[in-house]
Amino acid sequence: MKQRMRRRCGGLGAGKTTFIRYLLEAISDQYKSSFEFQGSPTYQREHIYNFAKLNIVHFDFYQVDTPLRMDLEDYIVDYCILVEWPFEELKKRYAREAMFIKIIQDNKKRVM
């Protein structure tokens, strides 16, 4: 549990998955693509979305207790990557290429 707390980029229920859903809906509208949100990939670990000119992979590492021996390089070539609950190792490795968004709940409203 301590490791999960260190990986926080927004607590449980802060709106991380909702933010991603709205982002994907906006992309779908822009590309005039059909879209069905698959929900949080908490147990599947990843969901892939294919739009006209953009492919997105949505990861969720909340249920993963130890860092994966995962190289996102395999995805970077073909996908835009969205990650909930990233490991510190991933944050450090991709710090220059990534945008980090932290969602904070403050009196029932979300602050980014």
N, C-alpha and C. Protein backbone atom coordinates (compact mmCIF):
# COMPACT_ATOMS: atom_id res chain seq x y z
N MET A 1 0.82 -1.20 0.00
CA MET A 1 0.00 0.00 0.00
C MET A 1 0.86 1.26 0.00
N LYS A 2 2.00 1.23 0.69
CA LYS A 2 2.84 2.42 0.74
C LYS A 2 3.30 2.83 -0.65
N GLN A 3 3.65 1.85 -1.49
CA GLN A 3 4.10 2.18 -2.83
C GLN A 3 2.98 2.87 -3.62
N ARG A 4 1.77 2.40 -3.49
CA ARG A 4 0.66 3.02 -4.19
C ARG A 4 0.50 4.47 -3.76
N MET A 5 0.66 4.74 -2.49
CA MET A 5 0.52 6.10 -2.01
C MET A 5 1.62 6.99 -2.60
N ARG A 6 2.81 6.46 -2.78
CA ARG A 6 3.89 7.23 -3.36
C ARG A 6 3.65 7.52 -4.85
N ARG A 7 2.87 6.70 -5.50
CA ARG A 7 2.63 6.85 -6.93
C ARG A 7 1.45 7.75 -7.24
N ARG A 8 0.88 8.38 -6.28
CA ARG A 8 -0.34 9.14 -6.49
C ARG A 8 -0.14 10.30 -7.45
N CYS A 9 -1.02 10.39 -8.39
CA CYS A 9 -1.12 11.56 -9.27
C CYS A 9 -2.56 12.01 -9.24
N GLY A 10 -3.18 11.80 -8.14
CA GLY A 10 -4.59 12.07 -7.93
C GLY A 10 -5.14 10.89 -7.15
N GLY A 11 -5.75 11.13 -6.03
CA GLY A 11 -6.24 10.05 -5.19
C GLY A 11 -7.38 9.27 -5.83
N LEU A 12 -7.79 8.22 -5.13
CA LEU A 12 -8.93 7.44 -5.60
C LEU A 12 -10.15 8.36 -5.71
N GLY A 13 -10.85 8.27 -6.81
CA GLY A 13 -12.04 9.09 -7.01
C GLY A 13 -11.76 10.54 -7.37
N ALA A 14 -10.51 10.87 -7.66
CA ALA A 14 -10.16 12.26 -7.98
C ALA A 14 -10.65 12.66 -9.37
N GLY A 15 -10.82 11.69 -10.24
CA GLY A 15 -11.31 12.01 -11.58
C GLY A 15 -10.33 11.71 -12.70
N LYS A 16 -9.32 10.89 -12.43
CA LYS A 16 -8.32 10.56 -13.46
C LYS A 16 -8.96 9.87 -14.66
N THR A 17 -9.77 8.86 -14.41
CA THR A 17 -10.41 8.12 -15.49
C THR A 17 -11.44 9.00 -16.20
N THR A 18 -12.16 9.82 -15.47
CA THR A 18 -13.12 10.74 -16.07
C THR A 18 -12.41 11.74 -16.98
N PHE A 19 -11.28 12.26 -16.53
CA PHE A 19 -10.48 13.17 -17.36
C PHE A 19 -10.08 12.48 -18.66
N ILE A 20 -9.62 11.25 -18.57
CA ILE A 20 -9.21 10.51 -19.76
C ILE A 20 -10.40 10.26 -20.67
N ARG A 21 -11.56 9.92 -20.10
CA ARG A 21 -12.76 9.71 -20.92
C ARG A 21 -13.11 10.96 -21.71
N TYR A 22 -13.11 12.13 -21.06
CA TYR A 22 -13.44 13.37 -21.74
C TYR A 22 -12.38 13.73 -22.78
N LEU A 23 -11.13 13.46 -22.49
CA LEU A 23 -10.06 13.69 -23.47
C LEU A 23 -10.27 12.83 -24.71
N LEU A 24 -10.57 11.55 -24.51
CA LEU A 24 -10.82 10.65 -25.63
C LEU A 24 -12.08 11.05 -26.41
N GLU A 25 -13.11 11.52 -25.72
CA GLU A 25 -14.31 11.99 -26.41
C GLU A 25 -14.00 13.19 -27.29
N ALA A 26 -13.18 14.11 -26.79
CA ALA A 26 -12.80 15.29 -27.57
C ALA A 26 -11.99 14.88 -28.80
N ILE A 27 -11.09 13.93 -28.64
CA ILE A 27 -10.30 13.44 -29.78
C ILE A 27 -11.22 12.77 -30.79
N SER A 28 -12.15 11.98 -30.31
CA SER A 28 -13.12 11.32 -31.17
C SER A 28 -13.92 12.34 -31.97
N ASP A 29 -14.37 13.40 -31.32
CA ASP A 29 -15.12 14.45 -32.01
C ASP A 29 -14.25 15.14 -33.07
N GLN A 30 -13.00 15.41 -32.72
CA GLN A 30 -12.10 16.09 -33.65
C GLN A 30 -11.88 15.27 -34.91
N TYR A 31 -11.69 13.96 -34.74
CA TYR A 31 -11.45 13.09 -35.88
C TYR A 31 -12.74 12.51 -36.47
N LYS A 32 -13.87 12.91 -35.91
CA LYS A 32 -15.17 12.40 -36.37
C LYS A 32 -15.16 10.87 -36.45
N SER A 33 -14.64 10.28 -35.38
CA SER A 33 -14.54 8.83 -35.27
C SER A 33 -15.57 8.30 -34.29
N SER A 34 -16.05 7.10 -34.53
CA SER A 34 -16.92 6.49 -33.53
C SER A 34 -16.06 6.12 -32.33
N PHE A 35 -16.66 6.13 -31.17
CA PHE A 35 -15.89 5.95 -29.95
C PHE A 35 -16.77 5.34 -28.87
N GLU A 36 -16.24 4.36 -28.18
CA GLU A 36 -16.91 3.79 -27.02
C GLU A 36 -15.87 3.65 -25.92
N PHE A 37 -16.06 4.38 -24.83
CA PHE A 37 -15.11 4.33 -23.73
C PHE A 37 -15.19 2.97 -23.05
N GLN A 38 -14.04 2.36 -22.83
CA GLN A 38 -13.97 1.02 -22.26
C GLN A 38 -13.86 1.02 -20.74
N GLY A 39 -13.82 2.19 -20.14
CA GLY A 39 -13.68 2.28 -18.69
C GLY A 39 -12.23 2.24 -18.27
N SER A 40 -12.02 2.16 -16.98
CA SER A 40 -10.67 2.10 -16.45
C SER A 40 -10.08 0.71 -16.68
N PRO A 41 -8.85 0.64 -17.18
CA PRO A 41 -8.22 -0.67 -17.39
C PRO A 41 -7.54 -1.20 -16.14
N THR A 42 -8.14 -0.98 -14.98
CA THR A 42 -7.53 -1.38 -13.72
C THR A 42 -7.14 -2.86 -13.71
N TYR A 43 -8.00 -3.72 -14.18
CA TYR A 43 -7.71 -5.16 -14.13
C TYR A 43 -7.11 -5.67 -15.44
N GLN A 44 -7.46 -5.07 -16.55
CA GLN A 44 -6.90 -5.49 -17.83
C GLN A 44 -5.52 -4.87 -18.05
N ARG A 45 -5.23 -3.81 -17.37
CA ARG A 45 -4.00 -3.06 -17.40
C ARG A 45 -3.87 -2.11 -18.59
N GLU A 46 -4.55 -2.40 -19.72
CA GLU A 46 -4.49 -1.46 -20.84
C GLU A 46 -5.73 -1.57 -21.72
N HIS A 47 -6.09 -0.43 -22.30
CA HIS A 47 -7.13 -0.37 -23.33
C HIS A 47 -6.54 0.40 -24.49
N ILE A 48 -6.86 -0.04 -25.70
CA ILE A 48 -6.35 0.62 -26.90
C ILE A 48 -7.52 1.23 -27.66
N TYR A 49 -7.32 2.47 -28.10
CA TYR A 49 -8.31 3.20 -28.88
C TYR A 49 -7.66 3.62 -30.20
N ASN A 50 -8.33 3.37 -31.29
CA ASN A 50 -7.82 3.74 -32.60
C ASN A 50 -8.74 4.78 -33.23
N PHE A 51 -8.17 5.93 -33.51
CA PHE A 51 -8.90 7.01 -34.18
C PHE A 51 -8.31 7.16 -35.58
N ALA A 52 -8.87 8.04 -36.37
CA ALA A 52 -8.48 8.18 -37.77
C ALA A 52 -6.96 8.30 -37.96
N LYS A 53 -6.34 9.22 -37.26
CA LYS A 53 -4.91 9.44 -37.43
C LYS A 53 -4.13 9.33 -36.13
N LEU A 54 -4.77 8.78 -35.12
CA LEU A 54 -4.14 8.73 -33.80
C LEU A 54 -4.56 7.47 -33.07
N ASN A 55 -3.60 6.76 -32.54
CA ASN A 55 -3.86 5.58 -31.72
C ASN A 55 -3.45 5.90 -30.29
N ILE A 56 -4.27 5.49 -29.34
CA ILE A 56 -4.02 5.80 -27.93
C ILE A 56 -4.08 4.52 -27.13
N VAL A 57 -3.13 4.36 -26.20
CA VAL A 57 -3.19 3.26 -25.26
C VAL A 57 -3.33 3.86 -23.86
N HIS A 58 -4.29 3.36 -23.09
CA HIS A 58 -4.59 3.85 -21.74
C HIS A 58 -4.18 2.76 -20.76
N PHE A 59 -3.18 3.06 -19.94
CA PHE A 59 -2.70 2.12 -18.93
C PHE A 59 -3.20 2.53 -17.56
N ASP A 60 -3.37 1.55 -16.68
CA ASP A 60 -3.69 1.80 -15.28
C ASP A 60 -2.88 0.80 -14.46
N PHE A 61 -1.93 1.30 -13.68
CA PHE A 61 -1.05 0.44 -12.90
C PHE A 61 -1.41 0.40 -11.42
N TYR A 62 -2.65 0.78 -11.07
CA TYR A 62 -3.05 0.80 -9.66
C TYR A 62 -2.92 -0.57 -9.00
N GLN A 63 -3.34 -1.62 -9.67
CA GLN A 63 -3.34 -2.96 -9.08
C GLN A 63 -1.96 -3.63 -9.11
N VAL A 64 -0.98 -2.98 -9.68
CA VAL A 64 0.36 -3.57 -9.80
C VAL A 64 1.18 -3.13 -8.59
N ASP A 65 1.60 -4.10 -7.78
CA ASP A 65 2.31 -3.78 -6.54
C ASP A 65 3.80 -3.51 -6.75
N THR A 66 4.40 -4.13 -7.72
CA THR A 66 5.82 -3.90 -7.98
C THR A 66 6.00 -3.41 -9.40
N PRO A 67 6.98 -2.56 -9.63
CA PRO A 67 7.19 -2.02 -10.97
C PRO A 67 7.35 -3.13 -12.00
N LEU A 68 6.71 -2.92 -13.13
CA LEU A 68 6.79 -3.88 -14.21
C LEU A 68 8.10 -3.73 -14.96
N ARG A 69 8.57 -4.81 -15.48
CA ARG A 69 9.70 -4.74 -16.40
C ARG A 69 9.11 -4.39 -17.77
N MET A 70 8.61 -3.20 -17.85
CA MET A 70 7.88 -2.79 -19.04
C MET A 70 8.61 -1.66 -19.73
N ASP A 71 8.75 -1.80 -21.01
CA ASP A 71 9.38 -0.77 -21.80
C ASP A 71 8.31 -0.14 -22.68
N LEU A 72 8.00 1.10 -22.44
CA LEU A 72 6.97 1.77 -23.22
C LEU A 72 7.44 2.10 -24.63
N GLU A 73 8.71 1.88 -24.90
CA GLU A 73 9.25 2.16 -26.22
C GLU A 73 8.48 1.43 -27.31
N ASP A 74 7.99 0.25 -27.01
CA ASP A 74 7.21 -0.51 -27.99
C ASP A 74 5.92 0.21 -28.38
N TYR A 75 5.42 1.03 -27.48
CA TYR A 75 4.16 1.75 -27.73
C TYR A 75 4.39 3.15 -28.30
N ILE A 76 5.50 3.78 -27.93
CA ILE A 76 5.73 5.18 -28.27
C ILE A 76 5.71 5.43 -29.77
N VAL A 77 6.17 4.50 -30.55
CA VAL A 77 6.23 4.67 -32.00
C VAL A 77 4.83 4.82 -32.60
N ASP A 78 3.87 4.02 -32.10
CA ASP A 78 2.55 3.97 -32.72
C ASP A 78 1.42 4.55 -31.89
N TYR A 79 1.66 4.91 -30.64
CA TYR A 79 0.58 5.32 -29.75
C TYR A 79 0.90 6.59 -28.97
N CYS A 80 -0.15 7.31 -28.65
CA CYS A 80 -0.12 8.32 -27.61
C CYS A 80 -0.43 7.53 -26.34
N ILE A 81 0.32 7.72 -25.27
CA ILE A 81 0.19 6.89 -24.08
C ILE A 81 -0.39 7.72 -22.92
N LEU A 82 -1.44 7.19 -22.31
CA LEU A 82 -2.04 7.78 -21.12
C LEU A 82 -1.88 6.78 -19.99
N VAL A 83 -1.34 7.23 -18.84
CA VAL A 83 -1.06 6.32 -17.74
C VAL A 83 -1.68 6.85 -16.44
N GLU A 84 -2.47 6.00 -15.79
CA GLU A 84 -2.93 6.28 -14.44
C GLU A 84 -2.05 5.48 -13.49
N TRP A 85 -1.69 6.07 -12.38
CA TRP A 85 -0.86 5.45 -11.35
C TRP A 85 0.51 5.01 -11.92
N PRO A 86 1.26 5.95 -12.53
CA PRO A 86 2.57 5.57 -13.08
C PRO A 86 3.59 5.29 -11.99
N PHE A 87 4.52 4.42 -12.29
CA PHE A 87 5.62 4.13 -11.36
C PHE A 87 6.64 5.25 -11.44
N GLU A 88 7.36 5.47 -10.34
CA GLU A 88 8.39 6.51 -10.32
C GLU A 88 9.43 6.27 -11.41
N GLU A 89 9.75 5.01 -11.67
CA GLU A 89 10.74 4.69 -12.70
C GLU A 89 10.27 5.19 -14.07
N LEU A 90 8.98 5.03 -14.36
CA LEU A 90 8.44 5.52 -15.63
C LEU A 90 8.46 7.04 -15.67
N LYS A 91 8.10 7.67 -14.56
CA LYS A 91 8.12 9.13 -14.51
C LYS A 91 9.52 9.67 -14.78
N LYS A 92 10.50 9.08 -14.14
CA LYS A 92 11.89 9.53 -14.32
C LYS A 92 12.36 9.29 -15.74
N ARG A 93 12.07 8.11 -16.26
CA ARG A 93 12.57 7.74 -17.59
C ARG A 93 12.00 8.63 -18.69
N TYR A 94 10.71 8.99 -18.56
CA TYR A 94 10.04 9.74 -19.62
C TYR A 94 9.75 11.19 -19.22
N ALA A 95 10.46 11.71 -18.26
CA ALA A 95 10.18 13.06 -17.74
C ALA A 95 10.25 14.13 -18.82
N ARG A 96 11.16 14.01 -19.75
CA ARG A 96 11.30 15.04 -20.80
C ARG A 96 10.22 14.93 -21.87
N GLU A 97 9.72 13.74 -22.12
CA GLU A 97 8.74 13.53 -23.18
C GLU A 97 7.30 13.59 -22.69
N ALA A 98 7.10 13.48 -21.39
CA ALA A 98 5.75 13.32 -20.84
C ALA A 98 5.19 14.62 -20.28
N MET A 99 3.87 14.67 -20.21
CA MET A 99 3.16 15.73 -19.51
C MET A 99 2.50 15.07 -18.31
N PHE A 100 2.74 15.59 -17.13
CA PHE A 100 2.15 15.03 -15.91
C PHE A 100 1.03 15.95 -15.44
N ILE A 101 -0.11 15.35 -15.16
CA ILE A 101 -1.26 16.11 -14.67
C ILE A 101 -1.63 15.54 -13.31
N LYS A 102 -1.67 16.39 -12.33
CA LYS A 102 -2.04 15.96 -10.98
C LYS A 102 -3.41 16.55 -10.67
N ILE A 103 -4.33 15.69 -10.27
CA ILE A 103 -5.69 16.12 -9.95
C ILE A 103 -5.85 16.06 -8.44
N ILE A 104 -6.25 17.18 -7.87
CA ILE A 104 -6.41 17.27 -6.42
C ILE A 104 -7.87 17.57 -6.12
N GLN A 105 -8.44 16.80 -5.19
CA GLN A 105 -9.80 17.08 -4.73
C GLN A 105 -9.73 18.09 -3.61
N ASP A 106 -10.48 19.16 -3.75
CA ASP A 106 -10.49 20.21 -2.74
C ASP A 106 -11.95 20.61 -2.51
N ASN A 107 -12.52 20.16 -1.39
CA ASN A 107 -13.92 20.45 -1.05
C ASN A 107 -14.88 20.07 -2.16
N LYS A 108 -14.76 18.84 -2.62
CA LYS A 108 -15.64 18.26 -3.64
C LYS A 108 -15.51 18.90 -5.00
N LYS A 109 -14.43 19.63 -5.26
CA LYS A 109 -14.16 20.12 -6.60
C LYS A 109 -12.75 19.65 -6.95
N ARG A 110 -12.47 19.55 -8.24
CA ARG A 110 -11.18 19.07 -8.69
C ARG A 110 -10.32 20.22 -9.17
N VAL A 111 -9.06 20.20 -8.79
CA VAL A 111 -8.10 21.23 -9.17
C VAL A 111 -6.97 20.55 -9.91
N MET A 112 -6.59 21.09 -11.08
CA MET A 112 -5.45 20.51 -11.83
C MET A 112 -4.32 21.50 -11.89
